[in-house]
PDB file of N, CA and C in Angstrom:
ATOM      1  N   MET A   1      75.039  81.082  77.854  1.00  0.00           N
ATOM      2  CA  MET A   1      74.151  80.613  77.411  1.00  0.00           C
ATOM      3  C   MET A   1      75.150  79.131  78.052  1.00  0.00           C
ATOM      4  N   ASN A   2      74.449  78.039  78.411  1.00  0.00           N
ATOM      5  CA  ASN A   2      74.553  77.443  79.114  1.00  0.00           C
ATOM      6  C   ASN A   2      74.735  75.947  77.642  1.00  0.00           C
ATOM      7  N   VAL A   3      76.301  76.259  77.644  1.00  0.00           N
ATOM      8  CA  VAL A   3      76.492  74.987  76.461  1.00  0.00           C
ATOM      9  C   VAL A   3      76.550  73.826  76.749  1.00  0.00           C
ATOM     10  N   LYS A   4      77.020  73.231  78.105  1.00  0.00           N
ATOM     11  CA  LYS A   4      75.991  71.804  78.513  1.00  0.00           C
ATOM     12  C   LYS A   4      74.361  71.036  78.424  1.00  0.00           C
ATOM     13  N   GLU A   5      74.280  72.038  79.245  1.00  0.00           N
ATOM     14  CA  GLU A   5      72.455  72.267  78.127  1.00  0.00           C
ATOM     15  C   GLU A   5      71.504  72.154  77.202  1.00  0.00           C
ATOM     16  N   LYS A   6      72.374  72.693  76.848  1.00  0.00           N
ATOM     17  CA  LYS A   6      72.543  73.207  75.122  1.00  0.00           C
ATOM     18  C   LYS A   6      72.362  72.008  74.552  1.00  0.00           C
ATOM     19  N   THR A   7      73.793  71.825  74.831  1.00  0.00           N
ATOM     20  CA  THR A   7      73.477  70.659  74.105  1.00  0.00           C
ATOM     21  C   THR A   7      73.073  69.170  74.157  1.00  0.00           C
ATOM     22  N   TYR A   8      73.263  68.563  75.846  1.00  0.00           N
ATOM     23  CA  TYR A   8      71.789  68.019  76.728  1.00  0.00           C
ATOM     24  C   TYR A   8      70.214  67.275  76.360  1.00  0.00           C
ATOM     25  N   LYS A   9      70.321  69.258  75.369  1.00  0.00           N
ATOM     26  CA  LYS A   9      68.624  68.922  74.823  1.00  0.00           C
ATOM     27  C   LYS A   9      67.857  69.072  73.745  1.00  0.00           C
ATOM     28  N   ALA A  10      69.503  68.927  72.353  1.00  0.00           N
ATOM     29  CA  ALA A  10      70.224  68.874  71.609  1.00  0.00           C
ATOM     30  C   ALA A  10      69.351  67.621  71.641  1.00  0.00           C
ATOM     31  N   LEU A  11      71.248  66.633  72.351  1.00  0.00           N
ATOM     32  CA  LEU A  11      70.774  65.317  71.720  1.00  0.00           C
ATOM     33  C   LEU A  11      70.316  64.548  72.288  1.00  0.00           C
ATOM     34  N   LYS A  12      69.438  65.027  73.451  1.00  0.00           N
ATOM     35  CA  LYS A  12      67.668  63.832  74.195  1.00  0.00           C
ATOM     36  C   LYS A  12      66.843  64.079  72.722  1.00  0.00           C
ATOM     37  N   SER A  13      66.730  65.551  72.717  1.00  0.00           N
ATOM     38  CA  SER A  13      65.657  65.692  71.273  1.00  0.00           C
ATOM     39  C   SER A  13      65.619  64.774  70.182  1.00  0.00           C
ATOM     40  N   GLY A  14      66.959  64.389  69.259  1.00  0.00           N
ATOM     41  CA  GLY A  14      67.200  63.728  68.401  1.00  0.00           C
ATOM     42  C   GLY A  14      67.737  61.976  68.436  1.00  0.00           C
ATOM     43  N   PHE A  15      67.750  61.909  70.494  1.00  0.00           N
ATOM     44  CA  PHE A  15      67.659  60.167  70.304  1.00  0.00           C
ATOM     45  C   PHE A  15      66.834  59.810  71.857  1.00  0.00           C
ATOM     46  N   LEU A  16      65.575  59.823  71.388  1.00  0.00           N
ATOM     47  CA  LEU A  16      64.664  59.765  72.566  1.00  0.00           C
ATOM     48  C   LEU A  16      65.133  57.902  73.587  1.00  0.00           C
ATOM     49  N   GLU A  17      65.031  56.972  72.600  1.00  0.00           N
ATOM     50  CA  GLU A  17      65.463  56.037  73.305  1.00  0.00           C
ATOM     51  C   GLU A  17      66.545  55.377  73.356  1.00  0.00           C
ATOM     52  N   THR A  18      67.950  57.174  74.065  1.00  0.00           N
ATOM     53  CA  THR A  18      68.723  56.231  73.933  1.00  0.00           C
ATOM     54  C   THR A  18      69.257  57.351  75.076  1.00  0.00           C
ATOM     55  N   SER A  19      70.246  56.896  76.033  1.00  0.00           N
ATOM     56  CA  SER A  19      70.373  57.206  76.749  1.00  0.00           C
ATOM     57  C   SER A  19      71.595  58.172  76.644  1.00  0.00           C
ATOM     58  N   VAL A  20      71.542  59.586  77.661  1.00  0.00           N
ATOM     59  CA  VAL A  20      72.637  60.784  76.943  1.00  0.00           C
ATOM     60  C   VAL A  20      73.338  61.012  78.833  1.00  0.00           C
ATOM     61  N   SER A  21      74.687  60.423  78.697  1.00  0.00           N
ATOM     62  CA  SER A  21      75.355  61.132  79.579  1.00  0.00           C
ATOM     63  C   SER A  21      76.112  62.339  80.093  1.00  0.00           C
ATOM     64  N   TYR A  22      76.717  63.241  80.745  1.00  0.00           N
ATOM     65  CA  TYR A  22      77.614  63.519  81.105  1.00  0.00           C
ATOM     66  C   TYR A  22      79.221  63.108  81.100  1.00  0.00           C
ATOM     67  N   PHE A  23      79.719  63.734  80.072  1.00  0.00           N
ATOM     68  CA  PHE A  23      81.405  62.664  80.109  1.00  0.00           C
ATOM     69  C   PHE A  23      81.570  60.815  79.303  1.00  0.00           C
ATOM     70  N   TYR A  24      80.912  60.031  80.400  1.00  0.00           N
ATOM     71  CA  TYR A  24      80.747  58.505  79.949  1.00  0.00           C
ATOM     72  C   TYR A  24      79.671  57.749  79.999  1.00  0.00           C
ATOM     73  N   PRO A  25      79.242  57.012  78.976  1.00  0.00           N
ATOM     74  CA  PRO A  25      77.668  56.083  79.606  1.00  0.00           C
ATOM     75  C   PRO A  25      77.128  56.404  81.406  1.00  0.00           C
ATOM     76  N   GLN A  26      76.530  56.109  81.175  1.00  0.00           N
ATOM     77  CA  GLN A  26      75.869  55.465  82.808  1.00  0.00           C
ATOM     78  C   GLN A  26      76.605  53.505  83.141  1.00  0.00           C
ATOM     79  N   SER A  27      75.949  53.096  81.939  1.00  0.00           N
ATOM     80  CA  SER A  27      76.818  51.571  81.900  1.00  0.00           C
ATOM     81  C   SER A  27      76.934  51.347  80.373  1.00  0.00           C
ATOM     82  N   PHE A  28      78.169  50.414  80.255  1.00  0.00           N
ATOM     83  CA  PHE A  28      78.797  50.073  79.170  1.00  0.00           C
ATOM     84  C   PHE A  28      78.065  48.662  78.950  1.00  0.00           C
ATOM     85  N   ASN A  29      77.033  48.195  79.483  1.00  0.00           N
ATOM     86  CA  ASN A  29      76.221  47.072  78.995  1.00  0.00           C
ATOM     87  C   ASN A  29      74.645  46.745  78.588  1.00  0.00           C
ATOM     88  N   HIS A  30      74.510  48.667  77.918  1.00  0.00           N
ATOM     89  CA  HIS A  30      73.807  49.154  77.357  1.00  0.00           C
ATOM     90  C   HIS A  30      73.980  50.101  76.137  1.00  0.00           C
ATOM     91  N   LEU A  31      74.885  49.301  75.426  1.00  0.00           N
ATOM     92  CA  LEU A  31      74.986  50.338  74.334  1.00  0.00           C
ATOM     93  C   LEU A  31      73.428  50.310  72.925  1.00  0.00           C
ATOM     94  N   PRO A  32      73.206  50.879  72.642  1.00  0.00           N
ATOM     95  CA  PRO A  32      74.585  52.106  72.284  1.00  0.00           C
ATOM     96  C   PRO A  32      74.365  53.506  73.449  1.00  0.00           C
ATOM     97  N   ALA A  33      75.253  54.080  73.259  1.00  0.00           N
ATOM     98  CA  ALA A  33      75.334  55.479  74.454  1.00  0.00           C
ATOM     99  C   ALA A  33      75.964  56.725  73.322  1.00  0.00           C
ATOM    100  N   ILE A  34      75.277  57.831  74.855  1.00  0.00           N
ATOM    101  CA  ILE A  34      75.879  59.031  74.389  1.00  0.00           C
ATOM    102  C   ILE A  34      76.428  58.951  74.947  1.00  0.00           C
ATOM    103  N   SER A  35      77.637  60.476  75.730  1.00  0.00           N
ATOM    104  CA  SER A  35      77.465  61.043  76.160  1.00  0.00           C
ATOM    105  C   SER A  35      78.525  61.853  75.623  1.00  0.00           C
ATOM    106  N   TYR A  36      78.471  63.099  76.966  1.00  0.00           N
ATOM    107  CA  TYR A  36      79.386  64.607  76.073  1.00  0.00           C
ATOM    108  C   TYR A  36      79.982  65.386  77.145  1.00  0.00           C
ATOM    109  N   TYR A  37      81.243  66.204  76.856  1.00  0.00           N
ATOM    110  CA  TYR A  37      81.866  66.892  77.828  1.00  0.00           C
ATOM    111  C   TYR A  37      81.716  68.639  77.182  1.00  0.00           C
ATOM    112  N   GLU A  38      82.643  69.910  77.697  1.00  0.00           N
ATOM    113  CA  GLU A  38      82.246  70.634  77.277  1.00  0.00           C
ATOM    114  C   GLU A  38      84.250  70.864  77.183  1.00  0.00           C
ATOM    115  N   ILE A  39      84.897  70.543  75.989  1.00  0.00           N
ATOM    116  CA  ILE A  39      86.789  70.463  75.294  1.00  0.00           C
ATOM    117  C   ILE A  39      87.253  71.578  76.642  1.00  0.00           C
ATOM    118  N   SER A  40      86.077  72.777  75.785  1.00  0.00           N
ATOM    119  CA  SER A  40      86.771  74.629  76.118  1.00  0.00           C
ATOM    120  C   SER A  40      86.064  75.081  76.492  1.00  0.00           C
ATOM    121  N   GLN A  41      85.954  76.809  76.752  1.00  0.00           N
ATOM    122  CA  GLN A  41      85.281  78.046  75.676  1.00  0.00           C
ATOM    123  C   GLN A  41      85.710  78.643  76.697  1.00  0.00           C
ATOM    124  N   LYS A  42      86.236  79.766  75.009  1.00  0.00           N
ATOM    125  CA  LYS A  42      87.043  80.893  75.830  1.00  0.00           C
ATOM    126  C   LYS A  42      86.766  81.409  75.137  1.00  0.00           C
ATOM    127  N   PRO A  43      88.129  82.868  75.110  1.00  0.00           N
ATOM    128  CA  PRO A  43      86.856  84.410  74.245  1.00  0.00           C
ATOM    129  C   PRO A  43      87.249  83.794  72.476  1.00  0.00           C
ATOM    130  N   PHE A  44      86.440  84.112  71.804  1.00  0.00           N
ATOM    131  CA  PHE A  44      86.794  84.585  70.633  1.00  0.00           C
ATOM    132  C   PHE A  44      86.947  85.743  70.043  1.00  0.00           C
ATOM    133  N   ILE A  45      86.349  86.847  70.234  1.00  0.00           N
ATOM    134  CA  ILE A  45      86.957  87.897  69.907  1.00  0.00           C
ATOM    135  C   ILE A  45      86.536  89.330  70.197  1.00  0.00           C
ATOM    136  N   PHE A  46      87.346  90.614  71.029  1.00  0.00           N
ATOM    137  CA  PHE A  46      87.571  90.924  72.488  1.00  0.00           C
ATOM    138  C   PHE A  46      87.181  92.237  71.451  1.00  0.00           C
ATOM    139  N   ALA A  47      86.333  93.869  71.646  1.00  0.00           N
ATOM    140  CA  ALA A  47      85.603  94.701  71.533  1.00  0.00           C
ATOM    141  C   ALA A  47      85.469  95.756  72.603  1.00  0.00           C
ATOM    142  N   ASP A  48      86.422  96.607  72.432  1.00  0.00           N
ATOM    143  CA  ASP A  48      87.086  97.328  73.164  1.00  0.00           C
ATOM    144  C   ASP A  48      87.499  96.872  74.788  1.00  0.00           C
ATOM    145  N   ASP A  49      87.990  96.034  74.955  1.00  0.00           N
ATOM    146  CA  ASP A  49      88.409  95.590  75.258  1.00  0.00           C
ATOM    147  C   ASP A  49      88.175  94.991  76.799  1.00  0.00           C
ATOM    148  N   GLU A  50      86.736  93.691  75.386  1.00  0.00           N
ATOM    149  CA  GLU A  50      86.308  92.605  76.543  1.00  0.00           C
ATOM    150  C   GLU A  50      86.120  91.468  75.730  1.00  0.00           C
ATOM    151  N   GLU A  51      85.547  90.540  76.247  1.00  0.00           N
ATOM    152  CA  GLU A  51      85.396  89.244  75.696  1.00  0.00           C
ATOM    153  C   GLU A  51      83.644  90.153  75.173  1.00  0.00           C
ATOM    154  N   TYR A  52      83.599  89.921  73.928  1.00  0.00           N
ATOM    155  CA  TYR A  52      82.638  89.851  72.583  1.00  0.00           C
ATOM    156  C   TYR A  52      81.268  88.397  72.152  1.00  0.00           C
ATOM    157  N   LEU A  53      81.893  88.550  72.135  1.00  0.00           N
ATOM    158  CA  LEU A  53      81.950  86.518  71.044  1.00  0.00           C
ATOM    159  C   LEU A  53      82.965  85.532  72.002  1.00  0.00           C
ATOM    160  N   LEU A  54      82.185  84.287  72.464  1.00  0.00           N
ATOM    161  CA  LEU A  54      82.687  83.290  72.952  1.00  0.00           C
ATOM    162  C   LEU A  54      83.132  82.279  71.914  1.00  0.00           C
ATOM    163  N   GLU A  55      83.726  81.427  72.706  1.00  0.00           N
ATOM    164  CA  GLU A  55      84.240  79.899  71.714  1.00  0.00           C
ATOM    165  C   GLU A  55      82.920  78.427  72.644  1.00  0.00           C
ATOM    166  N   SER A  56      82.556  77.688  72.573  1.00  0.00           N
ATOM    167  CA  SER A  56      82.659  76.896  72.863  1.00  0.00           C
ATOM    168  C   SER A  56      82.963  76.380  72.726  1.00  0.00           C
ATOM    169  N   GLN A  57      83.846  74.810  72.561  1.00  0.00           N
ATOM    170  CA  GLN A  57      83.728  72.866  71.809  1.00  0.00           C
ATOM    171  C   GLN A  57      83.589  72.170  72.660  1.00  0.00           C
ATOM    172  N   ILE A  58      82.780  71.617  72.148  1.00  0.00           N
ATOM    173  CA  ILE A  58      81.717  70.149  73.241  1.00  0.00           C
ATOM    174  C   ILE A  58      82.252  69.007  72.050  1.00  0.00           C
ATOM    175  N   ALA A  59      82.481  67.230  72.654  1.00  0.00           N
ATOM    176  CA  ALA A  59      82.676  65.844  72.218  1.00  0.00           C
ATOM    177  C   ALA A  59      82.010  66.030  72.997  1.00  0.00           C
ATOM    178  N   VAL A  60      80.883  64.866  71.881  1.00  0.00           N
ATOM    179  CA  VAL A  60      80.274  64.190  71.891  1.00  0.00           C
ATOM    180  C   VAL A  60      81.015  62.563  70.948  1.00  0.00           C
ATOM    181  N   SER A  61      79.899  61.854  72.023  1.00  0.00           N
ATOM    182  CA  SER A  61      81.023  60.474  71.600  1.00  0.00           C
ATOM    183  C   SER A  61      78.876  59.166  71.715  1.00  0.00           C
ATOM    184  N   ILE A  62      79.423  58.750  70.466  1.00  0.00           N
ATOM    185  CA  ILE A  62      79.208  57.978  70.580  1.00  0.00           C
ATOM    186  C   ILE A  62      79.122  56.294  70.963  1.00  0.00           C
ATOM    187  N   TRP A  63      78.842  55.361  72.314  1.00  0.00           N
ATOM    188  CA  TRP A  63      78.957  53.707  71.486  1.00  0.00           C
ATOM    189  C   TRP A  63      78.337  52.998  71.388  1.00  0.00           C
ATOM    190  N   GLY A  64      78.737  51.775  71.194  1.00  0.00           N
ATOM    191  CA  GLY A  64      78.569  51.112  70.883  1.00  0.00           C
ATOM    192  C   GLY A  64      79.185  49.853  69.859  1.00  0.00           C
ATOM    193  N   VAL A  65      78.738  48.471  69.943  1.00  0.00           N
ATOM    194  CA  VAL A  65      79.037  47.139  69.804  1.00  0.00           C
ATOM    195  C   VAL A  65      78.630  46.949  68.400  1.00  0.00           C
ATOM    196  N   SER A  66      79.132  47.546  67.262  1.00  0.00           N
ATOM    197  CA  SER A  66      79.486  47.581  64.861  1.00  0.00           C
ATOM    198  C   SER A  66      79.480  48.297  65.118  1.00  0.00           C
ATOM    199  N   SER A  67      80.424  49.508  64.359  1.00  0.00           N
ATOM    200  CA  SER A  67      81.047  50.407  63.703  1.00  0.00           C
ATOM    201  C   SER A  67      80.253  50.763  62.824  1.00  0.00           C
ATOM    202  N   GLU A  68      78.835  49.918  62.720  1.00  0.00           N
ATOM    203  CA  GLU A  68      77.329  50.163  61.846  1.00  0.00           C
ATOM    204  C   GLU A  68      76.459  50.893  61.770  1.00  0.00           C
ATOM    205  N   VAL A  69      76.021  51.411  63.728  1.00  0.00           N
ATOM    206  CA  VAL A  69      75.382  51.216  64.247  1.00  0.00           C
ATOM    207  C   VAL A  69      76.533  52.959  64.695  1.00  0.00           C
ATOM    208  N   LEU A  70      77.523  52.665  64.908  1.00  0.00           N
ATOM    209  CA  LEU A  70      78.252  54.495  65.266  1.00  0.00           C
ATOM    210  C   LEU A  70      78.387  55.125  64.147  1.00  0.00           C
ATOM    211  N   LYS A  71      77.758  54.545  62.859  1.00  0.00           N
ATOM    212  CA  LYS A  71      77.849  55.658  61.571  1.00  0.00           C
ATOM    213  C   LYS A  71      77.042  56.189  61.287  1.00  0.00           C
ATOM    214  N   GLU A  72      76.180  55.254  61.573  1.00  0.00           N
ATOM    215  CA  GLU A  72      74.100  55.659  61.260  1.00  0.00           C
ATOM    216  C   GLU A  72      74.129  56.736  62.514  1.00  0.00           C
ATOM    217  N   MET A  73      74.279  55.955  63.954  1.00  0.00           N
ATOM    218  CA  MET A  73      73.941  57.132  65.158  1.00  0.00           C
ATOM    219  C   MET A  73      75.352  58.333  64.907  1.00  0.00           C
ATOM    220  N   GLY A  74      76.187  58.315  64.622  1.00  0.00           N
ATOM    221  CA  GLY A  74      76.837  59.436  63.949  1.00  0.00           C
ATOM    222  C   GLY A  74      76.488  60.296  63.072  1.00  0.00           C
ATOM    223  N   ASP A  75      76.029  60.292  62.488  1.00  0.00           N
ATOM    224  CA  ASP A  75      75.228  61.061  60.632  1.00  0.00           C
ATOM    225  C   ASP A  75      73.508  61.238  62.491  1.00  0.00           C
ATOM    226  N   MET A  76      73.295  61.290  62.898  1.00  0.00           N
ATOM    227  CA  MET A  76      71.765  61.242  63.375  1.00  0.00           C
ATOM    228  C   MET A  76      72.512  62.576  64.126  1.00  0.00           C
ATOM    229  N   ALA A  77      74.063  62.685  65.781  1.00  0.00           N
ATOM    230  CA  ALA A  77      74.395  63.485  65.983  1.00  0.00           C
ATOM    231  C   ALA A  77      74.328  64.888  65.277  1.00  0.00           C
ATOM    232  N   SER A  78      75.475  64.924  64.003  1.00  0.00           N
ATOM    233  CA  SER A  78      76.203  65.120  64.201  1.00  0.00           C
ATOM    234  C   SER A  78      73.990  66.202  63.146  1.00  0.00           C
ATOM    235  N   GLU A  79      73.429  65.794  62.804  1.00  0.00           N
ATOM    236  CA  GLU A  79      72.985  66.816  62.055  1.00  0.00           C
ATOM    237  C   GLU A  79      71.763  67.625  63.161  1.00  0.00           C
ATOM    238  N   THR A  80      71.468  66.094  63.922  1.00  0.00           N
ATOM    239  CA  THR A  80      71.115  67.144  65.602  1.00  0.00           C
ATOM    240  C   THR A  80      71.682  68.070  65.709  1.00  0.00           C
ATOM    241  N   MET A  81      73.141  68.586  66.123  1.00  0.00           N
ATOM    242  CA  MET A  81      74.552  69.160  66.950  1.00  0.00           C
ATOM    243  C   MET A  81      74.456  70.381  65.450  1.00  0.00           C
ATOM    244  N   LYS A  82      73.780  70.437  64.851  1.00  0.00           N
ATOM    245  CA  LYS A  82      73.706  70.929  63.302  1.00  0.00           C
ATOM    246  C   LYS A  82      72.228  72.531  63.367  1.00  0.00           C
ATOM    247  N   LYS A  83      71.537  71.096  64.130  1.00  0.00           N
ATOM    248  CA  LYS A  83      69.594  71.926  64.081  1.00  0.00           C
ATOM    249  C   LYS A  83      69.744  72.902  65.220  1.00  0.00           C
ATOM    250  N   ALA A  84      70.818  72.880  66.421  1.00  0.00           N
ATOM    251  CA  ALA A  84      71.278  73.386  67.986  1.00  0.00           C
ATOM    252  C   ALA A  84      71.976  74.260  67.499  1.00  0.00           C
ATOM    253  N   GLY A  85      72.304  74.129  66.320  1.00  0.00           N
ATOM    254  CA  GLY A  85      73.552  75.850  65.761  1.00  0.00           C
ATOM    255  C   GLY A  85      75.524  75.027  65.921  1.00  0.00           C
ATOM    256  N   PHE A  86      75.732  74.237  66.150  1.00  0.00           N
ATOM    257  CA  PHE A  86      76.715  73.847  66.520  1.00  0.00           C
ATOM    258  C   PHE A  86      77.384  74.028  64.930  1.00  0.00           C
ATOM    259  N   THR A  87      78.797  73.547  64.640  1.00  0.00           N
ATOM    260  CA  THR A  87      79.205  73.276  63.802  1.00  0.00           C
ATOM    261  C   THR A  87      80.238  72.624  63.651  1.00  0.00           C
ATOM    262  N   LYS A  88      80.219  71.563  63.334  1.00  0.00           N
ATOM    263  CA  LYS A  88      81.743  69.778  63.613  1.00  0.00           C
ATOM    264  C   LYS A  88      83.005  70.618  63.120  1.00  0.00           C
ATOM    265  N   VAL A  89      83.840  70.324  63.838  1.00  0.00           N
ATOM    266  CA  VAL A  89      84.891  70.754  63.684  1.00  0.00           C
ATOM    267  C   VAL A  89      85.406  69.249  63.434  1.00  0.00           C
ATOM    268  N   GLU A  90      85.563  68.171  63.351  1.00  0.00           N
ATOM    269  CA  GLU A  90      86.027  66.757  63.523  1.00  0.00           C
ATOM    270  C   GLU A  90      85.619  65.663  64.104  1.00  0.00           C
ATOM    271  N   THR A  91      85.408  64.217  63.421  1.00  0.00           N
ATOM    272  CA  THR A  91      85.053  63.201  64.371  1.00  0.00           C
ATOM    273  C   THR A  91      86.065  62.200  64.077  1.00  0.00           C
ATOM    274  N   LYS A  92      86.507  61.349  64.933  1.00  0.00           N
ATOM    275  CA  LYS A  92      87.303  60.647  65.319  1.00  0.00           C
ATOM    276  C   LYS A  92      86.688  59.114  66.327  1.00  0.00           C
ATOM    277  N   GLU A  93      87.437  57.338  65.496  1.00  0.00           N
ATOM    278  CA  GLU A  93      86.844  57.140  66.196  1.00  0.00           C
ATOM    279  C   GLU A  93      87.933  55.780  66.662  1.00  0.00           C
ATOM    280  N   SER A  94      87.443  55.254  67.734  1.00  0.00           N
ATOM    281  CA  SER A  94      88.451  54.198  68.302  1.00  0.00           C
ATOM    282  C   SER A  94      87.976  52.871  68.394  1.00  0.00           C
ATOM    283  N   TYR A  95      88.362  51.649  68.496  1.00  0.00           N
ATOM    284  CA  TYR A  95      87.759  51.111  69.602  1.00  0.00           C
ATOM    285  C   TYR A  95      88.334  49.628  70.028  1.00  0.00           C
ATOM    286  N   ASP A  96      88.227  50.284  71.873  1.00  0.00           N
ATOM    287  CA  ASP A  96      88.780  48.512  72.662  1.00  0.00           C
ATOM    288  C   ASP A  96      88.382  46.843  72.905  1.00  0.00           C
ATOM    289  N   LYS A  97      90.201  46.662  71.843  1.00  0.00           N
ATOM    290  CA  LYS A  97      90.081  45.463  71.727  1.00  0.00           C
ATOM    291  C   LYS A  97      90.099  44.539  72.988  1.00  0.00           C
ATOM    292  N   ASP A  98      89.729  44.967  74.498  1.00  0.00           N
ATOM    293  CA  ASP A  98      89.327  44.429  75.362  1.00  0.00           C
ATOM    294  C   ASP A  98      87.926  42.999  75.229  1.00  0.00           C
ATOM    295  N   ASN A  99      87.557  45.089  74.946  1.00  0.00           N
ATOM    296  CA  ASN A  99      85.936  44.586  75.626  1.00  0.00           C
ATOM    297  C   ASN A  99      84.673  44.798  74.643  1.00  0.00           C
ATOM    298  N   ARG A 100      85.335  45.178  73.367  1.00  0.00           N
ATOM    299  CA  ARG A 100      85.244  45.226  72.247  1.00  0.00           C
ATOM    300  C   ARG A 100      83.700  46.173  71.897  1.00  0.00           C
ATOM    301  N   ILE A 101      84.586  47.784  72.240  1.00  0.00           N
ATOM    302  CA  ILE A 101      83.819  48.491  72.120  1.00  0.00           C
ATOM    303  C   ILE A 101      83.748  49.724  71.418  1.00  0.00           C
ATOM    304  N   TYR A 102      83.242  50.038  69.784  1.00  0.00           N
ATOM    305  CA  TYR A 102      83.668  50.924  69.813  1.00  0.00           C
ATOM    306  C   TYR A 102      83.337  52.104  69.333  1.00  0.00           C
ATOM    307  N   GLU A 103      83.882  53.321  69.914  1.00  0.00           N
ATOM    308  CA  GLU A 103      83.468  54.153  70.079  1.00  0.00           C
ATOM    309  C   GLU A 103      83.811  55.806  68.430  1.00  0.00           C
ATOM    310  N   GLN A 104      82.828  56.467  68.555  1.00  0.00           N
ATOM    311  CA  GLN A 104      83.075  57.168  67.876  1.00  0.00           C
ATOM    312  C   GLN A 104      82.101  59.152  68.651  1.00  0.00           C
ATOM    313  N   THR A 105      84.080  59.713  68.418  1.00  0.00           N
ATOM    314  CA  THR A 105      83.860  61.116  69.092  1.00  0.00           C
ATOM    315  C   THR A 105      83.786  62.045  67.978  1.00  0.00           C
ATOM    316  N   HIS A 106      82.177  63.025  68.251  1.00  0.00           N
ATOM    317  CA  HIS A 106      82.368  63.789  67.260  1.00  0.00           C
ATOM    318  C   HIS A 106      82.718  65.304  67.963  1.00  0.00           C
ATOM    319  N   MET A 107      83.674  66.636  67.635  1.00  0.00           N
ATOM    320  CA  MET A 107      83.907  67.342  67.741  1.00  0.00           C
ATOM    321  C   MET A 107      83.517  68.357  67.220  1.00  0.00           C
ATOM    322  N   PHE A 108      82.299  69.669  68.063  1.00  0.00           N
ATOM    323  CA  PHE A 108      81.650  69.983  67.336  1.00  0.00           C
ATOM    324  C   PHE A 108      81.867  72.017  68.575  1.00  0.00           C
ATOM    325  N   LYS A 109      81.661  73.205  68.673  1.00  0.00           N
ATOM    326  CA  LYS A 109      81.585  74.493  67.903  1.00  0.00           C
ATOM    327  C   LYS A 109      80.682  75.472  67.613  1.00  0.00           C
ATOM    328  N   ILE A 110      81.268  75.862  69.239  1.00  0.00           N
ATOM    329  CA  ILE A 110      79.619  77.618  68.684  1.00  0.00           C
ATOM    330  C   ILE A 110      79.566  78.034  68.759  1.00  0.00           C
ATOM    331  N   ILE A 111      79.740  79.678  68.692  1.00  0.00           N
ATOM    332  CA  ILE A 111      79.570  80.657  68.786  1.00  0.00           C
ATOM    333  C   ILE A 111      79.305  81.843  69.908  1.00  0.00           C
ATOM    334  N   PHE A 112      78.956  82.293  70.570  1.00  0.00           N
ATOM    335  CA  PHE A 112      77.559  82.721  71.524  1.00  0.00           C
ATOM    336  C   PHE A 112      77.829  84.404  71.980  1.00  0.00           C
ATOM    337  N   ASN A 113      77.435  85.343  72.456  1.00  0.00           N
ATOM    338  CA  ASN A 113      78.156  86.738  73.243  1.00  0.00           C
ATOM    339  C   ASN A 113      77.515  86.456  74.171  1.00  0.00           C
ATOM    340  N   LYS A 114      77.925  87.654  74.982  1.00  0.00           N
ATOM    341  CA  LYS A 114      78.064  87.289  76.916  1.00  0.00           C
ATOM    342  C   LYS A 114      75.763  86.889  76.806  1.00  0.00           C
ATOM    343  N   GLU A 115      75.069  87.528  76.083  1.00  0.00           N
ATOM    344  CA  GLU A 115      73.736  87.396  76.453  1.00  0.00           C
ATOM    345  C   GLU A 115      73.684  85.481  76.163  1.00  0.00           C
ATOM    346  N   GLY A 116      73.825  84.804  74.691  1.00  0.00           N
ATOM    347  CA  GLY A 116      74.053  83.500  74.668  1.00  0.00           C
ATOM    348  C   GLY A 116      73.685  83.450  73.545  1.00  0.00           C
ATOM    349  N   ILE A 117      73.637  84.575  72.471  1.00  0.00           N
ATOM    350  CA  ILE A 117      72.691  84.767  71.410  1.00  0.00           C
ATOM    351  C   ILE A 117      74.105  84.242  70.385  1.00  0.00           C
ATOM    352  N   ASN A 118      73.290  82.737  69.571  1.00  0.00           N
ATOM    353  CA  ASN A 118      74.393  82.052  68.448  1.00  0.00           C
ATOM    354  C   ASN A 118      74.737  83.068  67.546  1.00  0.00           C
ATOM    355  N   ASN A 119      76.107  83.653  67.609  1.00  0.00           N
ATOM    356  CA  ASN A 119      77.042  84.838  66.211  1.00  0.00           C
ATOM    357  C   ASN A 119      76.343  83.632  64.908  1.00  0.00           C
ATOM    358  N   GLY A 120      76.980  82.273  65.223  1.00  0.00           N
ATOM    359  CA  GLY A 120      77.035  81.787  63.818  1.00  0.00           C
ATOM    360  C   GLY A 120      79.156  80.904  64.715  1.00  0.00           C
TER     361      GLY A 120
END
């Protein structure tokens, strides 16, 4: 399973008018924006000395100039990722005073087998 591609497609389907980029927004002059990256991919369950299930963790960051926009978009991102088969692990928010930009990061995980079938 290409988890990065799955994440991009899910986010683009939920945010048609918002820029979605890998790692960082393409421009901090056009906010709000969404970025994502894969934190890790690791074996989850072994069977017969082989990886049977894998777990991938994804970070989805929402960037904006107000915490209200982040809250609304964060709720939408959580729902969008849930529909795509991801489970939310945690959320954190930060504020860059110098640039006056808020960032809300949501961490998700997905478990799948070698054939790419989501197993919960």
